[in-house]
């Protein structure tokens, strides 16, 4: 009976594949892309354990084991870079993660559709603009001589010009604010989509029972999007070791290097500019390992708390 059932399942699966063959063909370019550009180059991580030289190639280079990892963990620059990466991500998590949730709840309460659509468009447009452009906008806005922000501070409050992007205290603040401005709109769309899946009858019943808007938000809206919040939190934790190269690079300068140098920019300078490919591959391998541990741990904790995880 078991063999017959297995044979029937296989034949049924094959019929489904034949029937939907054109849909499956659409997956071929995507699968090819991941094999060629994602999984194919992964064999190159072996140079983290070799003294890589172009003349010898990947397989011909001398095997040095964990030498580059010992050099990595013995470097003071690496711990500065690791600290900056984690701190900037923690700031983004604390101050940036709740913003899309709040915006989505506020927009959901707006009943004027024209105003609602306008606000949504203004919020998510920055997400589709390159950081090269956005970085230029922020540098212009924060300029101590011609920037609008300093002009307002000087004219209205009498404050002397502040070098926001050249000050070690203000640079992380501006980095987090610019990141929220660029990314909050995209997260807002996701949470708005989750809110639309909440049964409207729940709001109607609570209104009949005399519940205020705040109580409806606390007892209906937030529990209704809790699983979405959990999944996005897991994804955010998985990116704790990756700040984003473009965002940092366009706002970075030598005056704030000690608080702005992160893993991605460190890999660029050491690997691309100084051709230390094996050393920076070791850095990238360490980064990927920690990210994997974080995302798996957060996913397990989320599921233990009764929420849906990524798997």
Protein backbone atom coordinates (compact mmCIF):
# COMPACT_ATOMS: atom_id res chain seq x y z
CA UNK A 1 0.00 0.00 0.00
CA UNK A 2 2.85 2.35 0.85
CA UNK A 3 4.58 1.82 -2.51
CA UNK A 4 1.29 2.36 -4.37
CA UNK A 5 0.63 5.59 -2.45
CA UNK A 6 4.18 6.79 -3.17
CA UNK A 7 3.81 5.93 -6.87
CA UNK A 8 0.48 7.77 -7.02
CA UNK A 9 2.02 10.88 -5.38
CA UNK A 10 4.91 10.88 -7.87
CA UNK A 11 2.60 10.56 -10.86
CA UNK A 12 0.36 13.29 -9.48
CA UNK A 13 3.37 15.55 -8.95
CA UNK A 14 4.59 14.90 -12.48
CA UNK A 15 1.14 15.73 -13.91
CA UNK A 16 1.14 19.01 -11.99
CA UNK A 17 4.59 19.88 -13.34
CA UNK A 18 3.55 19.10 -16.92
CA UNK A 19 0.34 21.07 -16.52
CA UNK A 20 2.09 24.12 -15.07
CA UNK A 21 5.30 23.77 -17.10
CA UNK A 22 5.22 27.34 -18.39
CA UNK A 23 4.94 28.70 -14.86
CA UNK A 24 7.89 26.58 -13.76
CA UNK A 25 9.89 27.84 -16.75
CA UNK A 26 9.59 31.34 -15.29
CA UNK A 27 11.67 30.11 -12.34
CA UNK A 28 14.59 29.10 -14.57
CA UNK A 29 16.15 32.61 -14.86
CA UNK A 30 15.82 33.15 -11.10
CA UNK A 31 17.40 29.79 -10.27
CA UNK A 32 20.16 30.41 -12.83
CA UNK A 33 20.85 33.84 -11.31
CA UNK A 34 21.27 32.42 -7.81
CA UNK A 35 23.44 29.52 -8.99
CA UNK A 36 25.73 31.71 -11.10
CA UNK A 37 26.01 34.84 -8.97
CA UNK A 38 25.19 33.65 -5.43
CA UNK A 39 26.12 30.00 -4.90
CA UNK A 40 28.77 29.67 -7.63
CA UNK A 41 31.22 32.23 -6.19
CA UNK A 42 30.89 30.77 -2.68
CA UNK A 43 33.84 28.47 -3.29
CA UNK A 44 35.96 31.63 -3.13
CA UNK A 45 35.59 31.82 0.66
CA UNK A 46 38.38 29.27 0.81
CA UNK A 47 40.89 32.12 0.36
CA UNK A 48 40.14 33.08 3.99
CA UNK A 49 42.27 30.02 4.85
CA UNK A 50 44.97 30.62 2.22
CA UNK A 51 47.74 33.07 1.42
CA UNK A 52 46.03 34.07 -1.79
CA UNK A 53 48.06 35.34 -4.75
CA UNK A 54 46.72 36.06 -8.23
CA UNK A 55 49.63 34.26 -9.87
CA UNK A 56 48.87 31.02 -8.00
CA UNK A 57 45.07 31.22 -8.19
CA UNK A 58 42.63 30.08 -5.51
CA UNK A 59 43.58 26.41 -5.51
CA UNK A 60 47.32 26.93 -5.99
CA UNK A 61 47.77 29.41 -3.15
CA UNK A 62 49.43 28.30 0.10
CA UNK A 63 47.13 26.95 2.84
CA UNK A 64 47.61 28.94 6.08
CA UNK A 65 44.67 27.69 8.15
CA UNK A 66 43.35 30.18 10.71
CA UNK A 67 46.19 32.69 10.36
CA UNK A 68 43.96 35.46 9.00
CA UNK A 69 41.38 34.90 11.72
CA UNK A 70 44.10 35.18 14.39
CA UNK A 71 45.26 38.41 12.76
CA UNK A 72 41.65 39.60 12.64
CA UNK A 73 40.93 39.01 16.32
CA UNK A 74 44.28 40.48 17.28
CA UNK A 75 43.63 43.74 15.44
CA UNK A 76 42.48 46.82 17.36
CA UNK A 77 40.93 48.25 14.19
CA UNK A 78 38.65 45.24 13.88
CA UNK A 79 37.16 45.74 17.34
CA UNK A 80 36.57 49.42 16.57
CA UNK A 81 34.81 48.44 13.35
CA UNK A 82 32.76 45.74 15.10
CA UNK A 83 31.76 48.17 17.86
CA UNK A 84 30.66 50.83 15.34
CA UNK A 85 28.68 48.29 13.31
CA UNK A 86 26.81 46.97 16.33
CA UNK A 87 26.20 50.41 17.85
CA UNK A 88 24.76 51.89 14.66
CA UNK A 89 22.51 48.87 14.21
CA UNK A 90 21.36 49.02 17.84
CA UNK A 91 20.53 52.72 17.41
CA UNK A 92 18.59 51.89 14.24
CA UNK A 93 16.76 49.08 16.02
CA UNK A 94 15.78 51.17 19.05
CA UNK A 95 14.82 54.38 17.27
CA UNK A 96 14.08 53.21 13.73
CA UNK A 97 12.19 49.94 14.11
CA UNK A 98 9.09 51.39 15.90
CA UNK A 99 8.71 54.31 13.44
CA UNK A 100 7.01 52.36 10.57
CA UNK A 101 4.63 50.75 13.07
CA UNK A 102 3.60 54.14 14.47
CA UNK A 103 3.27 55.67 10.99
CA UNK A 104 1.16 52.76 9.73
CA UNK A 105 -1.22 53.04 12.69
CA UNK A 106 -1.54 56.81 12.26
CA UNK A 107 -2.12 56.59 8.50
CA UNK A 108 -4.67 53.83 9.01
CA UNK A 109 -6.72 56.22 11.15
CA UNK A 110 -6.84 58.86 8.37
CA UNK A 111 -10.17 58.81 6.52
CA UNK A 112 -9.38 61.39 3.81
CA UNK A 113 -8.18 59.14 0.97
CA UNK A 114 -6.43 61.91 -1.01
CA UNK A 115 -4.46 63.04 2.03
CA UNK A 116 -3.75 59.41 2.97
CA UNK A 117 -2.38 58.55 -0.50
CA UNK A 118 -0.29 61.73 -0.58
CA UNK A 119 1.33 60.99 2.78
CA UNK A 120 2.02 57.37 1.76
CA UNK A 121 3.69 58.51 -1.48
CA UNK A 122 5.84 61.09 0.30
CA UNK A 123 6.91 58.48 2.84
CA UNK A 124 8.04 55.71 0.51
CA UNK A 125 9.53 57.78 -2.35
CA UNK A 126 12.94 58.11 -0.56
CA UNK A 127 13.21 54.31 -0.47
CA UNK A 128 13.56 54.22 -4.26
CA UNK A 129 16.22 56.95 -4.46
CA UNK A 130 19.91 56.00 -4.46
CA UNK A 131 21.98 56.85 -1.40
CA UNK A 132 24.35 58.73 -3.70
CA UNK A 133 21.52 61.22 -4.32
CA UNK A 134 20.16 61.13 -0.77
CA UNK A 135 23.66 61.60 0.64
CA UNK A 136 24.12 64.74 -1.45
CA UNK A 137 20.78 66.07 -0.19
CA UNK A 138 21.74 65.48 3.44
CA UNK A 139 25.20 66.99 3.02
CA UNK A 140 23.59 70.10 1.51
CA UNK A 141 20.95 70.34 4.24
CA UNK A 142 23.49 69.96 7.05
CA UNK A 143 26.22 72.17 5.61
CA UNK A 144 27.54 74.56 8.32
CA UNK A 145 27.75 77.46 5.83
CA UNK A 146 24.83 77.05 3.40
CA UNK A 147 22.70 74.30 4.96
CA UNK A 148 19.05 74.99 5.73
CA UNK A 149 19.25 73.29 9.15
CA UNK A 150 22.08 75.50 10.40
CA UNK A 151 20.47 78.60 8.95
CA UNK A 152 17.25 77.90 10.88
CA UNK A 153 19.16 77.13 14.08
CA UNK A 154 21.12 80.37 13.74
CA UNK A 155 18.23 82.66 12.77
CA UNK A 156 15.59 81.25 15.13
CA UNK A 157 17.61 80.07 18.14
CA UNK A 158 20.87 81.99 17.74
CA UNK A 159 22.92 78.78 17.73
CA UNK A 160 26.32 78.81 16.05
CA UNK A 161 26.75 76.54 13.00
CA UNK A 162 27.15 72.86 13.90
CA UNK A 163 29.36 70.56 11.83
CA UNK A 164 26.88 67.69 11.97
CA UNK A 165 28.78 65.35 9.65
CA UNK A 166 32.21 66.19 11.06
CA UNK A 167 31.36 65.80 14.74
CA UNK A 168 31.74 62.42 16.47
CA UNK A 169 28.59 62.95 18.55
CA UNK A 170 26.33 64.27 15.80
CA UNK A 171 27.38 61.94 12.97
CA UNK A 172 25.68 58.80 14.41
CA UNK A 173 22.57 60.89 15.17
CA UNK A 174 22.36 62.15 11.59
CA UNK A 175 23.09 58.67 10.28
CA UNK A 176 20.15 57.17 12.20
CA UNK A 177 17.77 60.02 11.28
CA UNK A 178 18.67 59.79 7.58
CA UNK A 179 18.21 56.01 7.70
CA UNK A 180 14.76 56.37 9.26
CA UNK A 181 13.79 58.96 6.65
CA UNK A 182 14.89 56.69 3.81
CA UNK A 183 13.52 53.37 5.07
CA UNK A 184 10.45 54.14 7.20
CA UNK A 185 8.09 54.40 4.23
CA UNK A 186 8.80 50.87 3.00
CA UNK A 187 8.15 49.36 6.42
CA UNK A 188 4.98 51.44 6.72
CA UNK A 189 3.59 49.86 3.54
CA UNK A 190 4.20 46.37 4.93
CA UNK A 191 2.44 47.16 8.21
CA UNK A 192 -0.46 48.88 6.41
CA UNK A 193 -0.93 45.72 4.34
CA UNK A 194 -0.99 43.67 7.54
CA UNK A 195 -3.54 46.02 9.13
CA UNK A 196 -5.90 45.60 6.15
CA UNK A 197 -6.08 41.86 6.94
CA UNK A 198 -7.59 42.53 10.37
CA UNK A 199 -11.30 41.72 10.49
CA UNK A 200 -13.27 45.05 10.46
CA UNK A 201 -15.96 43.43 12.59
CA UNK A 202 -13.53 43.49 15.52
CA UNK A 203 -13.40 47.29 15.34
CA UNK A 204 -17.19 47.52 14.98
CA UNK A 205 -17.75 45.30 18.02
CA UNK A 206 -15.26 47.30 20.11
CA UNK A 207 -16.91 50.57 19.03
CA UNK A 208 -20.30 49.24 20.16
CA UNK A 209 -18.72 48.32 23.50
CA UNK A 210 -17.47 51.88 23.88
CA UNK A 211 -13.77 51.29 23.27
CA UNK A 212 -11.73 54.40 22.47
CA UNK A 213 -9.32 54.64 19.52
CA UNK A 214 -6.34 54.01 21.78
CA UNK A 215 -7.94 50.85 23.17
CA UNK A 216 -8.76 49.65 19.65
CA UNK A 217 -5.14 50.19 18.62
CA UNK A 218 -3.77 48.46 21.74
CA UNK A 219 -6.16 45.50 21.81
CA UNK A 220 -6.94 44.96 18.10
CA UNK A 221 -4.46 46.64 15.74
CA UNK A 222 -1.20 45.79 17.50
CA UNK A 223 -2.14 42.13 18.22
CA UNK A 224 -3.32 41.85 14.60
CA UNK A 225 0.09 42.83 13.19
CA UNK A 226 2.14 41.11 15.90
CA UNK A 227 3.25 38.26 13.62
CA UNK A 228 4.41 40.76 10.97
CA UNK A 229 6.35 42.67 13.61
CA UNK A 230 7.97 39.43 14.77
CA UNK A 231 9.06 38.41 11.24
CA UNK A 232 10.50 41.85 10.45
CA UNK A 233 12.29 41.86 13.81
CA UNK A 234 13.90 38.50 12.98
CA UNK A 235 15.06 39.87 9.62
CA UNK A 236 16.37 43.03 11.28
CA UNK A 237 18.34 40.98 13.81
CA UNK A 238 19.81 38.96 10.94
CA UNK A 239 21.20 42.21 9.53
CA UNK A 240 22.80 43.41 12.78
CA UNK A 241 26.27 42.84 11.32
CA UNK A 242 25.53 44.74 8.12
CA UNK A 243 24.92 48.50 8.29
CA UNK A 244 24.91 49.14 4.55
CA UNK A 245 27.91 50.29 2.55
CA UNK A 246 26.36 53.10 0.48
CA UNK A 247 24.67 54.84 3.42
CA UNK A 248 27.87 55.00 5.47
CA UNK A 249 30.23 55.70 2.58
CA UNK A 250 28.42 58.78 1.24
CA UNK A 251 28.18 60.41 4.69
CA UNK A 252 31.58 59.33 5.97
CA UNK A 253 34.71 61.51 6.22
CA UNK A 254 38.10 61.28 7.88
CA UNK A 255 37.05 63.48 10.84
CA UNK A 256 34.55 60.86 12.06
CA UNK A 257 36.28 57.68 10.90
CA UNK A 258 36.55 56.39 14.48
CA UNK A 259 32.74 56.30 14.88
CA UNK A 260 31.70 55.69 11.27
CA UNK A 261 34.00 52.93 10.02
CA UNK A 262 31.90 49.74 9.82
CA UNK A 263 32.52 46.24 8.49
CA UNK A 264 31.39 47.00 4.93
CA UNK A 265 33.58 50.11 4.54
CA UNK A 266 36.48 48.35 6.31
CA UNK A 267 36.25 45.47 3.82
CA UNK A 268 36.20 47.97 0.95
CA UNK A 269 39.32 49.82 2.13
CA UNK A 270 41.30 46.77 3.20
CA UNK A 271 40.13 44.40 0.46
CA UNK A 272 39.58 46.55 -2.62
CA UNK A 273 41.96 49.46 -2.04
CA UNK A 274 44.75 47.57 -0.22
CA UNK A 275 44.20 44.19 -1.99
CA UNK A 276 44.08 42.20 1.27
CA UNK A 277 41.57 39.79 -0.21
CA UNK A 278 42.19 36.84 2.11
CA UNK A 279 42.02 39.00 5.24
CA UNK A 280 38.76 40.69 4.25
CA UNK A 281 37.28 37.35 3.18
CA UNK A 282 37.92 36.17 6.74
CA UNK A 283 36.10 39.29 7.97
CA UNK A 284 33.15 38.57 5.67
CA UNK A 285 33.03 34.92 6.77
CA UNK A 286 32.96 35.97 10.43
CA UNK A 287 30.21 38.51 9.64
CA UNK A 288 28.07 35.90 7.87
CA UNK A 289 28.51 33.38 10.70
CA UNK A 290 27.44 35.86 13.38
CA UNK A 291 24.46 36.99 11.25
CA UNK A 292 23.36 33.37 10.83
CA UNK A 293 23.59 32.76 14.59
CA UNK A 294 21.58 35.92 15.31
CA UNK A 295 18.79 35.17 12.85
CA UNK A 296 18.45 31.53 13.96
CA UNK A 297 18.45 32.50 17.66
CA UNK A 298 15.92 35.30 17.18
CA UNK A 299 13.69 33.02 15.12
CA UNK A 300 13.72 30.38 17.88
CA UNK A 301 12.95 32.95 20.57
CA UNK A 302 10.10 34.36 18.47
CA UNK A 303 8.56 30.90 18.00
CA UNK A 304 9.02 30.11 21.69
CA UNK A 305 6.95 33.22 22.48
CA UNK A 306 4.12 31.84 20.34
CA UNK A 307 4.67 33.93 17.21
CA UNK A 308 5.29 32.82 13.64
CA UNK A 309 8.93 32.63 12.61
CA UNK A 310 10.61 32.55 9.23
CA UNK A 311 10.55 28.75 9.22
